[in-house]
Amino acid sequence: RGISMCKKLLLLPALALVLACLLGLG
């Protein structure tokens, strides 16, 4: 599976999306 390491260790779209936003914008 194509999974981003360190920022997205698991393929969980809902939480991965909000975590990416949280990391980028607080």
mmCIF file of all heavy atoms, coordinates in Angstrom:
data_MODEL
# 
_entry.id   MODEL 
# 
loop_
_atom_site.group_PDB 
_atom_site.id 
_atom_site.type_symbol 
_atom_site.label_atom_id 
_atom_site.label_alt_id 
_atom_site.label_comp_id 
_atom_site.label_asym_id 
_atom_site.label_entity_id 
_atom_site.label_seq_id 
_atom_site.pdbx_PDB_ins_code 
_atom_site.Cartn_x 
_atom_site.Cartn_y 
_atom_site.Cartn_z 
_atom_site.occupancy 
_atom_site.B_iso_or_equiv 
_atom_site.pdbx_formal_charge 
_atom_site.auth_seq_id 
_atom_site.auth_comp_id 
_atom_site.auth_asym_id 
_atom_site.auth_atom_id 
_atom_site.pdbx_PDB_model_num 
ATOM 1   N N   . ARG A 1 1  ? 0.847   -1.170 0.000  1.00 0.00 ? 1  ARG A N   1 
ATOM 2   C CA  . ARG A 1 1  ? 0.000   0.000  0.000  1.00 0.00 ? 1  ARG A CA  1 
ATOM 3   C C   . ARG A 1 1  ? 0.887   1.225  0.000  1.00 0.00 ? 1  ARG A C   1 
ATOM 4   O O   . ARG A 1 1  ? 1.936   1.256  0.604  1.00 0.00 ? 1  ARG A O   1 
ATOM 5   C CB  . ARG A 1 1  ? -0.892  0.037  1.263  1.00 0.00 ? 1  ARG A CB  1 
ATOM 6   C CG  . ARG A 1 1  ? -1.867  -1.135 1.335  1.00 0.00 ? 1  ARG A CG  1 
ATOM 7   C CD  . ARG A 1 1  ? -2.678  -1.092 2.608  1.00 0.00 ? 1  ARG A CD  1 
ATOM 8   N NE  . ARG A 1 1  ? -1.830  -1.304 3.777  1.00 0.00 ? 1  ARG A NE  1 
ATOM 9   C CZ  . ARG A 1 1  ? -2.300  -1.357 5.002  1.00 0.00 ? 1  ARG A CZ  1 
ATOM 10  N NH1 . ARG A 1 1  ? -3.567  -1.176 5.237  1.00 0.00 ? 1  ARG A NH1 1 
ATOM 11  N NH2 . ARG A 1 1  ? -1.485  -1.576 6.009  1.00 0.00 ? 1  ARG A NH2 1 
ATOM 12  N N   . GLY A 1 2  ? 0.452   2.293  -0.658 1.00 0.00 ? 2  GLY A N   1 
ATOM 13  C CA  . GLY A 1 2  ? 1.214   3.527  -0.705 1.00 0.00 ? 2  GLY A CA  1 
ATOM 14  C C   . GLY A 1 2  ? 0.886   4.368  0.494  1.00 0.00 ? 2  GLY A C   1 
ATOM 15  O O   . GLY A 1 2  ? -0.154  5.005  0.561  1.00 0.00 ? 2  GLY A O   1 
ATOM 16  N N   . ILE A 1 3  ? 1.780   4.397  1.481  1.00 0.00 ? 3  ILE A N   1 
ATOM 17  C CA  . ILE A 1 3  ? 1.509   5.086  2.733  1.00 0.00 ? 3  ILE A CA  1 
ATOM 18  C C   . ILE A 1 3  ? 2.652   6.033  3.018  1.00 0.00 ? 3  ILE A C   1 
ATOM 19  O O   . ILE A 1 3  ? 3.806   5.662  2.952  1.00 0.00 ? 3  ILE A O   1 
ATOM 20  C CB  . ILE A 1 3  ? 1.383   4.082  3.903  1.00 0.00 ? 3  ILE A CB  1 
ATOM 21  C CG1 . ILE A 1 3  ? 0.359   3.007  3.553  1.00 0.00 ? 3  ILE A CG1 1 
ATOM 22  C CG2 . ILE A 1 3  ? 0.980   4.800  5.168  1.00 0.00 ? 3  ILE A CG2 1 
ATOM 23  C CD1 . ILE A 1 3  ? 0.328   1.892  4.545  1.00 0.00 ? 3  ILE A CD1 1 
ATOM 24  N N   . SER A 1 4  ? 2.372   7.268  3.380  1.00 0.00 ? 4  SER A N   1 
ATOM 25  C CA  . SER A 1 4  ? 3.419   8.218  3.706  1.00 0.00 ? 4  SER A CA  1 
ATOM 26  C C   . SER A 1 4  ? 4.014   7.867  5.046  1.00 0.00 ? 4  SER A C   1 
ATOM 27  O O   . SER A 1 4  ? 3.299   7.666  6.015  1.00 0.00 ? 4  SER A O   1 
ATOM 28  C CB  . SER A 1 4  ? 2.843   9.641  3.765  1.00 0.00 ? 4  SER A CB  1 
ATOM 29  O OG  . SER A 1 4  ? 3.801   10.511 4.265  1.00 0.00 ? 4  SER A OG  1 
ATOM 30  N N   . MET A 1 5  ? 5.336   7.777  5.105  1.00 0.00 ? 5  MET A N   1 
ATOM 31  C CA  . MET A 1 5  ? 6.004   7.394  6.334  1.00 0.00 ? 5  MET A CA  1 
ATOM 32  C C   . MET A 1 5  ? 6.149   8.597  7.239  1.00 0.00 ? 5  MET A C   1 
ATOM 33  O O   . MET A 1 5  ? 6.283   9.711  6.800  1.00 0.00 ? 5  MET A O   1 
ATOM 34  C CB  . MET A 1 5  ? 7.378   6.810  6.020  1.00 0.00 ? 5  MET A CB  1 
ATOM 35  C CG  . MET A 1 5  ? 7.309   5.595  5.119  1.00 0.00 ? 5  MET A CG  1 
ATOM 36  S SD  . MET A 1 5  ? 8.920   4.989  4.681  1.00 0.00 ? 5  MET A SD  1 
ATOM 37  C CE  . MET A 1 5  ? 9.443   4.273  6.208  1.00 0.00 ? 5  MET A CE  1 
ATOM 38  N N   . CYS A 1 6  ? 6.185   8.307  8.545  1.00 0.00 ? 6  CYS A N   1 
ATOM 39  C CA  . CYS A 1 6  ? 6.406   9.277  9.596  1.00 0.00 ? 6  CYS A CA  1 
ATOM 40  C C   . CYS A 1 6  ? 5.207   10.174 9.821  1.00 0.00 ? 6  CYS A C   1 
ATOM 41  O O   . CYS A 1 6  ? 4.866   10.435 10.940 1.00 0.00 ? 6  CYS A O   1 
ATOM 42  C CB  . CYS A 1 6  ? 7.633   10.131 9.305  1.00 0.00 ? 6  CYS A CB  1 
ATOM 43  S SG  . CYS A 1 6  ? 8.392   10.807 10.769 1.00 0.00 ? 6  CYS A SG  1 
ATOM 44  N N   . LYS A 1 7  ? 4.541   10.663 8.761  1.00 0.00 ? 7  LYS A N   1 
ATOM 45  C CA  . LYS A 1 7  ? 3.358   11.468 8.938  1.00 0.00 ? 7  LYS A CA  1 
ATOM 46  C C   . LYS A 1 7  ? 2.103   10.622 8.801  1.00 0.00 ? 7  LYS A C   1 
ATOM 47  O O   . LYS A 1 7  ? 1.080   10.920 9.359  1.00 0.00 ? 7  LYS A O   1 
ATOM 48  C CB  . LYS A 1 7  ? 3.296   12.605 7.906  1.00 0.00 ? 7  LYS A CB  1 
ATOM 49  C CG  . LYS A 1 7  ? 4.524   13.452 7.850  1.00 0.00 ? 7  LYS A CG  1 
ATOM 50  C CD  . LYS A 1 7  ? 4.849   14.103 9.172  1.00 0.00 ? 7  LYS A CD  1 
ATOM 51  C CE  . LYS A 1 7  ? 5.959   15.099 9.033  1.00 0.00 ? 7  LYS A CE  1 
ATOM 52  N NZ  . LYS A 1 7  ? 7.187   14.533 8.540  1.00 0.00 ? 7  LYS A NZ  1 
ATOM 53  N N   . LYS A 1 8  ? 2.148   9.571  7.980  1.00 0.00 ? 8  LYS A N   1 
ATOM 54  C CA  . LYS A 1 8  ? 0.988   8.711  7.764  1.00 0.00 ? 8  LYS A CA  1 
ATOM 55  C C   . LYS A 1 8  ? 1.473   7.272  7.737  1.00 0.00 ? 8  LYS A C   1 
ATOM 56  O O   . LYS A 1 8  ? 1.795   6.730  6.712  1.00 0.00 ? 8  LYS A O   1 
ATOM 57  C CB  . LYS A 1 8  ? 0.304   9.067  6.437  1.00 0.00 ? 8  LYS A CB  1 
ATOM 58  C CG  . LYS A 1 8  ? -0.339  10.431 6.452  1.00 0.00 ? 8  LYS A CG  1 
ATOM 59  C CD  . LYS A 1 8  ? -0.714  10.905 5.060  1.00 0.00 ? 8  LYS A CD  1 
ATOM 60  C CE  . LYS A 1 8  ? -1.724  10.021 4.412  1.00 0.00 ? 8  LYS A CE  1 
ATOM 61  N NZ  . LYS A 1 8  ? -2.072  10.440 3.062  1.00 0.00 ? 8  LYS A NZ  1 
ATOM 62  N N   . LEU A 1 9  ? 1.509   6.641  8.899  1.00 0.00 ? 9  LEU A N   1 
ATOM 63  C CA  . LEU A 1 9  ? 2.048   5.298  8.984  1.00 0.00 ? 9  LEU A CA  1 
ATOM 64  C C   . LEU A 1 9  ? 0.996   4.247  8.633  1.00 0.00 ? 9  LEU A C   1 
ATOM 65  O O   . LEU A 1 9  ? 1.336   3.094  8.418  1.00 0.00 ? 9  LEU A O   1 
ATOM 66  C CB  . LEU A 1 9  ? 2.573   5.031  10.397 1.00 0.00 ? 9  LEU A CB  1 
ATOM 67  C CG  . LEU A 1 9  ? 3.705   5.958  10.837 1.00 0.00 ? 9  LEU A CG  1 
ATOM 68  C CD1 . LEU A 1 9  ? 4.171   5.577  12.210 1.00 0.00 ? 9  LEU A CD1 1 
ATOM 69  C CD2 . LEU A 1 9  ? 4.848   5.897  9.861  1.00 0.00 ? 9  LEU A CD2 1 
ATOM 70  N N   . LEU A 1 10 ? -0.276  4.632  8.603  1.00 0.00 ? 10 LEU A N   1 
ATOM 71  C CA  . LEU A 1 10 ? -1.326  3.684  8.325  1.00 0.00 ? 10 LEU A CA  1 
ATOM 72  C C   . LEU A 1 10 ? -2.278  4.285  7.310  1.00 0.00 ? 10 LEU A C   1 
ATOM 73  O O   . LEU A 1 10 ? -2.463  5.500  7.260  1.00 0.00 ? 10 LEU A O   1 
ATOM 74  C CB  . LEU A 1 10 ? -2.113  3.349  9.607  1.00 0.00 ? 10 LEU A CB  1 
ATOM 75  C CG  . LEU A 1 10 ? -1.277  2.748  10.737 1.00 0.00 ? 10 LEU A CG  1 
ATOM 76  C CD1 . LEU A 1 10 ? -2.082  2.722  12.009 1.00 0.00 ? 10 LEU A CD1 1 
ATOM 77  C CD2 . LEU A 1 10 ? -0.798  1.365  10.378 1.00 0.00 ? 10 LEU A CD2 1 
ATOM 78  N N   . LEU A 1 11 ? -2.931  3.428  6.519  1.00 0.00 ? 11 LEU A N   1 
ATOM 79  C CA  . LEU A 1 11 ? -3.838  3.902  5.492  1.00 0.00 ? 11 LEU A CA  1 
ATOM 80  C C   . LEU A 1 11 ? -5.214  4.100  6.106  1.00 0.00 ? 11 LEU A C   1 
ATOM 81  O O   . LEU A 1 11 ? -6.080  3.265  6.009  1.00 0.00 ? 11 LEU A O   1 
ATOM 82  C CB  . LEU A 1 11 ? -3.925  2.897  4.346  1.00 0.00 ? 11 LEU A CB  1 
ATOM 83  C CG  . LEU A 1 11 ? -4.718  3.344  3.105  1.00 0.00 ? 11 LEU A CG  1 
ATOM 84  C CD1 . LEU A 1 11 ? -4.124  4.612  2.535  1.00 0.00 ? 11 LEU A CD1 1 
ATOM 85  C CD2 . LEU A 1 11 ? -4.757  2.246  2.082  1.00 0.00 ? 11 LEU A CD2 1 
ATOM 86  N N   . LEU A 1 12 ? -5.401  5.257  6.779  1.00 0.00 ? 12 LEU A N   1 
ATOM 87  C CA  . LEU A 1 12 ? -6.653  5.595  7.416  1.00 0.00 ? 12 LEU A CA  1 
ATOM 88  C C   . LEU A 1 12 ? -7.041  6.977  6.928  1.00 0.00 ? 12 LEU A C   1 
ATOM 89  O O   . LEU A 1 12 ? -6.651  7.978  7.510  1.00 0.00 ? 12 LEU A O   1 
ATOM 90  C CB  . LEU A 1 12 ? -6.495  5.596  8.939  1.00 0.00 ? 12 LEU A CB  1 
ATOM 91  C CG  . LEU A 1 12 ? -6.027  4.256  9.505  1.00 0.00 ? 12 LEU A CG  1 
ATOM 92  C CD1 . LEU A 1 12 ? -5.653  4.406  10.953 1.00 0.00 ? 12 LEU A CD1 1 
ATOM 93  C CD2 . LEU A 1 12 ? -7.105  3.215  9.358  1.00 0.00 ? 12 LEU A CD2 1 
ATOM 94  N N   . PRO A 1 13 ? -7.766  7.090  5.826  1.00 0.00 ? 13 PRO A N   1 
ATOM 95  C CA  . PRO A 1 13 ? -7.938  8.373  5.146  1.00 0.00 ? 13 PRO A CA  1 
ATOM 96  C C   . PRO A 1 13 ? -8.465  9.477  6.035  1.00 0.00 ? 13 PRO A C   1 
ATOM 97  O O   . PRO A 1 13 ? -7.966  10.595 5.985  1.00 0.00 ? 13 PRO A O   1 
ATOM 98  C CB  . PRO A 1 13 ? -8.932  8.020  4.027  1.00 0.00 ? 13 PRO A CB  1 
ATOM 99  C CG  . PRO A 1 13 ? -8.759  6.560  3.806  1.00 0.00 ? 13 PRO A CG  1 
ATOM 100 C CD  . PRO A 1 13 ? -8.433  5.987  5.143  1.00 0.00 ? 13 PRO A CD  1 
ATOM 101 N N   . ALA A 1 14 ? -9.494  9.219  6.861  1.00 0.00 ? 14 ALA A N   1 
ATOM 102 C CA  . ALA A 1 14 ? -10.087 10.317 7.625  1.00 0.00 ? 14 ALA A CA  1 
ATOM 103 C C   . ALA A 1 14 ? -9.087  10.930 8.586  1.00 0.00 ? 14 ALA A C   1 
ATOM 104 O O   . ALA A 1 14 ? -8.850  12.134 8.584  1.00 0.00 ? 14 ALA A O   1 
ATOM 105 C CB  . ALA A 1 14 ? -11.308 9.788  8.390  1.00 0.00 ? 14 ALA A CB  1 
ATOM 106 N N   . LEU A 1 15 ? -8.468  10.085 9.421  1.00 0.00 ? 15 LEU A N   1 
ATOM 107 C CA  . LEU A 1 15 ? -7.527  10.626 10.392 1.00 0.00 ? 15 LEU A CA  1 
ATOM 108 C C   . LEU A 1 15 ? -6.255  11.115 9.733  1.00 0.00 ? 15 LEU A C   1 
ATOM 109 O O   . LEU A 1 15 ? -5.679  12.118 10.148 1.00 0.00 ? 15 LEU A O   1 
ATOM 110 C CB  . LEU A 1 15 ? -7.189  9.552  11.435 1.00 0.00 ? 15 LEU A CB  1 
ATOM 111 C CG  . LEU A 1 15 ? -6.316  10.030 12.595 1.00 0.00 ? 15 LEU A CG  1 
ATOM 112 C CD1 . LEU A 1 15 ? -6.956  11.217 13.290 1.00 0.00 ? 15 LEU A CD1 1 
ATOM 113 C CD2 . LEU A 1 15 ? -6.077  8.909  13.579 1.00 0.00 ? 15 LEU A CD2 1 
ATOM 114 N N   . ALA A 1 16 ? -5.783  10.423 8.668  1.00 0.00 ? 16 ALA A N   1 
ATOM 115 C CA  . ALA A 1 16 ? -4.587  10.881 7.974  1.00 0.00 ? 16 ALA A CA  1 
ATOM 116 C C   . ALA A 1 16 ? -4.789  12.276 7.414  1.00 0.00 ? 16 ALA A C   1 
ATOM 117 O O   . ALA A 1 16 ? -3.894  13.117 7.449  1.00 0.00 ? 16 ALA A O   1 
ATOM 118 C CB  . ALA A 1 16 ? -4.236  9.908  6.843  1.00 0.00 ? 16 ALA A CB  1 
ATOM 119 N N   . LEU A 1 17 ? -5.989  12.559 6.891  1.00 0.00 ? 17 LEU A N   1 
ATOM 120 C CA  . LEU A 1 17 ? -6.253  13.872 6.315  1.00 0.00 ? 17 LEU A CA  1 
ATOM 121 C C   . LEU A 1 17 ? -6.222  14.949 7.379  1.00 0.00 ? 17 LEU A C   1 
ATOM 122 O O   . LEU A 1 17 ? -5.596  15.990 7.208  1.00 0.00 ? 17 LEU A O   1 
ATOM 123 C CB  . LEU A 1 17 ? -7.621  13.853 5.617  1.00 0.00 ? 17 LEU A CB  1 
ATOM 124 C CG  . LEU A 1 17 ? -8.082  15.186 5.014  1.00 0.00 ? 17 LEU A CG  1 
ATOM 125 C CD1 . LEU A 1 17 ? -7.094  15.649 3.954  1.00 0.00 ? 17 LEU A CD1 1 
ATOM 126 C CD2 . LEU A 1 17 ? -9.476  15.045 4.429  1.00 0.00 ? 17 LEU A CD2 1 
ATOM 127 N N   . VAL A 1 18 ? -6.871  14.702 8.511  1.00 0.00 ? 18 VAL A N   1 
ATOM 128 C CA  . VAL A 1 18 ? -6.894  15.744 9.535  1.00 0.00 ? 18 VAL A CA  1 
ATOM 129 C C   . VAL A 1 18 ? -5.537  15.892 10.192 1.00 0.00 ? 18 VAL A C   1 
ATOM 130 O O   . VAL A 1 18 ? -5.156  16.990 10.586 1.00 0.00 ? 18 VAL A O   1 
ATOM 131 C CB  . VAL A 1 18 ? -7.982  15.448 10.597 1.00 0.00 ? 18 VAL A CB  1 
ATOM 132 C CG1 . VAL A 1 18 ? -9.352  15.453 9.979  1.00 0.00 ? 18 VAL A CG1 1 
ATOM 133 C CG2 . VAL A 1 18 ? -7.728  14.133 11.306 1.00 0.00 ? 18 VAL A CG2 1 
ATOM 134 N N   . LEU A 1 19 ? -4.787  14.810 10.301 1.00 0.00 ? 19 LEU A N   1 
ATOM 135 C CA  . LEU A 1 19 ? -3.449  14.940 10.858 1.00 0.00 ? 19 LEU A CA  1 
ATOM 136 C C   . LEU A 1 19 ? -2.552  15.746 9.937  1.00 0.00 ? 19 LEU A C   1 
ATOM 137 O O   . LEU A 1 19 ? -1.759  16.570 10.379 1.00 0.00 ? 19 LEU A O   1 
ATOM 138 C CB  . LEU A 1 19 ? -2.845  13.557 11.095 1.00 0.00 ? 19 LEU A CB  1 
ATOM 139 C CG  . LEU A 1 19 ? -3.286  12.873 12.385 1.00 0.00 ? 19 LEU A CG  1 
ATOM 140 C CD1 . LEU A 1 19 ? -2.633  11.516 12.496 1.00 0.00 ? 19 LEU A CD1 1 
ATOM 141 C CD2 . LEU A 1 19 ? -2.968  13.714 13.597 1.00 0.00 ? 19 LEU A CD2 1 
ATOM 142 N N   . ALA A 1 20 ? -2.664  15.521 8.622  1.00 0.00 ? 20 ALA A N   1 
ATOM 143 C CA  . ALA A 1 20 ? -1.868  16.303 7.682  1.00 0.00 ? 20 ALA A CA  1 
ATOM 144 C C   . ALA A 1 20 ? -2.200  17.774 7.809  1.00 0.00 ? 20 ALA A C   1 
ATOM 145 O O   . ALA A 1 20 ? -1.331  18.647 7.772  1.00 0.00 ? 20 ALA A O   1 
ATOM 146 C CB  . ALA A 1 20 ? -2.128  15.822 6.248  1.00 0.00 ? 20 ALA A CB  1 
ATOM 147 N N   . CYS A 1 21 ? -3.478  18.096 7.989  1.00 0.00 ? 21 CYS A N   1 
ATOM 148 C CA  . CYS A 1 21 ? -3.887  19.493 8.151  1.00 0.00 ? 21 CYS A CA  1 
ATOM 149 C C   . CYS A 1 21 ? -3.373  20.033 9.473  1.00 0.00 ? 21 CYS A C   1 
ATOM 150 O O   . CYS A 1 21 ? -2.902  21.154 9.570  1.00 0.00 ? 21 CYS A O   1 
ATOM 151 C CB  . CYS A 1 21 ? -5.408  19.599 8.086  1.00 0.00 ? 21 CYS A CB  1 
ATOM 152 S SG  . CYS A 1 21 ? -6.020  21.285 8.057  1.00 0.00 ? 21 CYS A SG  1 
ATOM 153 N N   . LEU A 1 22 ? -3.455  19.206 10.525 1.00 0.00 ? 22 LEU A N   1 
ATOM 154 C CA  . LEU A 1 22 ? -2.975  19.635 11.832 1.00 0.00 ? 22 LEU A CA  1 
ATOM 155 C C   . LEU A 1 22 ? -1.495  19.919 11.809 1.00 0.00 ? 22 LEU A C   1 
ATOM 156 O O   . LEU A 1 22 ? -1.031  20.926 12.344 1.00 0.00 ? 22 LEU A O   1 
ATOM 157 C CB  . LEU A 1 22 ? -3.271  18.535 12.863 1.00 0.00 ? 22 LEU A CB  1 
ATOM 158 C CG  . LEU A 1 22 ? -2.710  18.752 14.268 1.00 0.00 ? 22 LEU A CG  1 
ATOM 159 C CD1 . LEU A 1 22 ? -3.326  19.989 14.888 1.00 0.00 ? 22 LEU A CD1 1 
ATOM 160 C CD2 . LEU A 1 22 ? -2.979  17.539 15.133 1.00 0.00 ? 22 LEU A CD2 1 
ATOM 161 N N   . LEU A 1 23 ? -0.704  19.055 11.158 1.00 0.00 ? 23 LEU A N   1 
ATOM 162 C CA  . LEU A 1 23 ? 0.732   19.250 11.104 1.00 0.00 ? 23 LEU A CA  1 
ATOM 163 C C   . LEU A 1 23 ? 1.093   20.476 10.296 1.00 0.00 ? 23 LEU A C   1 
ATOM 164 O O   . LEU A 1 23 ? 2.057   21.172 10.598 1.00 0.00 ? 23 LEU A O   1 
ATOM 165 C CB  . LEU A 1 23 ? 1.406   18.015 10.485 1.00 0.00 ? 23 LEU A CB  1 
ATOM 166 C CG  . LEU A 1 23 ? 1.268   16.733 11.302 1.00 0.00 ? 23 LEU A CG  1 
ATOM 167 C CD1 . LEU A 1 23 ? 1.960   15.599 10.574 1.00 0.00 ? 23 LEU A CD1 1 
ATOM 168 C CD2 . LEU A 1 23 ? 1.824   16.902 12.676 1.00 0.00 ? 23 LEU A CD2 1 
ATOM 169 N N   . GLY A 1 24 ? 0.310   20.746 9.269  1.00 0.00 ? 24 GLY A N   1 
ATOM 170 C CA  . GLY A 1 24 ? 0.652   21.869 8.406  1.00 0.00 ? 24 GLY A CA  1 
ATOM 171 C C   . GLY A 1 24 ? 0.175   23.199 8.929  1.00 0.00 ? 24 GLY A C   1 
ATOM 172 O O   . GLY A 1 24 ? 0.821   24.230 8.750  1.00 0.00 ? 24 GLY A O   1 
ATOM 173 N N   . LEU A 1 25 ? -0.981  23.228 9.614  1.00 0.00 ? 25 LEU A N   1 
ATOM 174 C CA  . LEU A 1 25 ? -1.582  24.509 9.956  1.00 0.00 ? 25 LEU A CA  1 
ATOM 175 C C   . LEU A 1 25 ? -1.914  24.663 11.434 1.00 0.00 ? 25 LEU A C   1 
ATOM 176 O O   . LEU A 1 25 ? -2.499  25.665 11.833 1.00 0.00 ? 25 LEU A O   1 
ATOM 177 C CB  . LEU A 1 25 ? -2.875  24.684 9.142  1.00 0.00 ? 25 LEU A CB  1 
ATOM 178 C CG  . LEU A 1 25 ? -2.713  24.618 7.621  1.00 0.00 ? 25 LEU A CG  1 
ATOM 179 C CD1 . LEU A 1 25 ? -4.077  24.750 6.973  1.00 0.00 ? 25 LEU A CD1 1 
ATOM 180 C CD2 . LEU A 1 25 ? -1.789  25.717 7.134  1.00 0.00 ? 25 LEU A CD2 1 
ATOM 181 N N   . GLY A 1 26 ? -1.569  23.683 12.247 1.00 0.00 ? 26 GLY A N   1 
ATOM 182 C CA  . GLY A 1 26 ? -1.895  23.803 13.665 1.00 0.00 ? 26 GLY A CA  1 
ATOM 183 C C   . GLY A 1 26 ? -3.319  23.336 13.890 1.00 0.00 ? 26 GLY A C   1 
ATOM 184 O O   . GLY A 1 26 ? -3.564  22.243 14.314 1.00 0.00 ? 26 GLY A O   1 
# 
